Amino acid sequence: MKNIFAIVAISALSLLSHPVLAASKQETKMLKSAAECTYVVQIAEENGVKLNNSSDTWANLLMQASDKLGLDAGAYYNEAKAKYESRARTMGDDNTLTKMIDNARKCDSGL
């Protein structure tokens, strides 16, 4: 899991110098991971978790990658949000929050 976040960060940063191209499956997966990291880091911060990279950093990374790929970052962000809302209904709020904080830490260490 840690490797995917490193790939996300490196791929997103490399996109800054490339024009908009049709998004590949890998680029779409990268954008989806960045959106999920943006969401979980934001929730972790709202719950007092201190991380090295803020949700603003993740949101900027997400928006830059989205712009370069020509994909809607909001759709991926909403998908991540819906994923955790569904998990909360199934697994409970406490379990979901714990998972989100764990994922936020993985995102942070991967960036």
Protein backbone atom coordinates (compact mmCIF):
# COMPACT_ATOMS: atom_id res chain seq x y z
CA MET A 1 0.00 0.00 0.00
CA LYS A 2 2.87 2.35 0.80
CA ASN A 3 4.27 1.89 -2.71
CA ILE A 4 1.03 3.00 -4.36
CA PHE A 5 1.15 6.30 -2.48
CA ALA A 6 4.75 6.88 -3.55
CA ILE A 7 3.70 6.17 -7.14
CA VAL A 8 0.78 8.57 -6.73
CA ALA A 9 3.03 11.38 -5.56
CA ILE A 10 5.72 10.84 -8.18
CA SER A 11 3.19 10.42 -11.00
CA ALA A 12 1.25 13.50 -10.01
CA LEU A 13 4.37 15.60 -9.82
CA SER A 14 5.57 14.38 -13.21
CA LEU A 15 2.22 15.35 -14.72
CA LEU A 16 2.92 19.00 -14.01
CA SER A 17 5.18 19.27 -17.04
CA HIS A 18 2.98 17.29 -19.47
CA PRO A 19 0.00 18.48 -21.47
CA VAL A 20 -3.44 16.97 -21.00
CA LEU A 21 -3.55 13.45 -22.40
CA ALA A 22 -6.15 10.73 -22.35
CA ALA A 23 -6.01 9.20 -18.90
CA SER A 24 -4.74 5.64 -18.70
CA LYS A 25 -5.96 3.12 -16.15
CA GLN A 26 -2.83 3.79 -14.08
CA GLU A 27 -3.40 7.54 -14.14
CA THR A 28 -7.05 7.08 -13.21
CA LYS A 29 -6.02 4.81 -10.33
CA MET A 30 -3.47 7.43 -9.22
CA LEU A 31 -6.11 10.16 -9.24
CA LYS A 32 -8.50 7.93 -7.28
CA SER A 33 -5.79 7.28 -4.65
CA ALA A 34 -4.96 10.98 -4.40
CA ALA A 35 -8.66 11.78 -3.90
CA GLU A 36 -8.95 9.18 -1.16
CA CYS A 37 -5.82 10.51 0.54
CA THR A 38 -7.20 14.04 0.34
CA TYR A 39 -10.41 12.93 2.02
CA VAL A 40 -8.91 10.77 4.78
CA VAL A 41 -6.21 13.31 5.64
CA GLN A 42 -8.87 16.02 5.93
CA ILE A 43 -10.94 13.85 8.30
CA ALA A 44 -7.84 12.91 10.32
CA GLU A 45 -6.93 16.59 10.71
CA GLU A 46 -10.47 17.41 11.82
CA ASN A 47 -10.00 14.78 14.53
CA GLY A 48 -6.75 16.27 15.83
CA VAL A 49 -4.26 14.01 14.05
CA LYS A 50 -1.02 15.80 13.17
CA LEU A 51 0.54 14.79 9.86
CA ASN A 52 3.56 16.02 7.91
CA ASN A 53 1.49 16.74 4.78
CA SER A 54 -1.76 18.63 5.17
CA SER A 55 -5.05 18.03 3.40
CA ASP A 56 -4.33 21.29 1.52
CA THR A 57 -1.17 19.69 0.12
CA TRP A 58 -3.16 16.66 -0.97
CA ALA A 59 -5.95 18.81 -2.42
CA ASN A 60 -3.44 20.83 -4.45
CA LEU A 61 -1.82 17.64 -5.71
CA LEU A 62 -5.24 16.25 -6.60
CA MET A 63 -6.31 19.38 -8.45
CA GLN A 64 -3.07 19.64 -10.41
CA ALA A 65 -3.26 16.00 -11.48
CA SER A 66 -6.94 16.40 -12.31
CA ASP A 67 -6.26 19.44 -14.47
CA LYS A 68 -3.45 17.72 -16.33
CA LEU A 69 -5.47 14.55 -16.94
CA GLY A 70 -8.67 16.37 -17.76
CA LEU A 71 -10.60 14.34 -15.17
CA ASP A 72 -13.03 15.56 -12.52
CA ALA A 73 -11.31 15.52 -9.13
CA GLY A 74 -14.63 16.18 -7.41
CA ALA A 75 -16.10 12.93 -8.70
CA TYR A 76 -13.18 10.93 -7.31
CA TYR A 77 -13.31 12.81 -4.01
CA ASN A 78 -17.05 12.13 -3.71
CA GLU A 79 -16.43 8.47 -4.51
CA ALA A 80 -13.90 8.25 -1.67
CA LYS A 81 -16.33 9.98 0.68
CA ALA A 82 -19.14 7.60 -0.30
CA LYS A 83 -16.84 4.62 0.26
CA TYR A 84 -16.20 5.62 3.86
CA GLU A 85 -19.81 6.59 4.51
CA SER A 86 -20.85 3.14 3.34
CA ARG A 87 -18.19 1.57 5.54
CA ALA A 88 -19.48 3.58 8.52
CA ARG A 89 -22.99 2.18 7.99
CA THR A 90 -21.61 -1.35 7.85
CA MET A 91 -18.70 -1.31 10.29
CA GLY A 92 -19.64 1.59 12.55
CA ASP A 93 -18.33 5.11 12.96
CA ASP A 94 -15.49 4.27 15.37
CA ASN A 95 -14.12 1.46 13.21
CA THR A 96 -14.33 3.65 10.11
CA LEU A 97 -12.61 6.60 11.77
CA THR A 98 -9.80 4.33 12.96
CA LYS A 99 -9.38 2.99 9.41
CA MET A 100 -9.42 6.51 7.97
CA ILE A 101 -6.74 7.72 10.38
CA ASP A 102 -4.62 4.67 9.59
CA ASN A 103 -5.01 5.34 5.87
CA ALA A 104 -4.20 9.03 6.37
CA ARG A 105 -0.95 8.05 8.08
CA LYS A 106 -0.13 5.70 5.19
CA CYS A 107 -0.79 8.50 2.73
CA ASP A 108 1.37 10.87 4.74
CA SER A 109 4.29 8.48 4.95
CA GLY A 110 3.99 7.67 1.24
CA LEU A 111 4.22 11.30 0.16
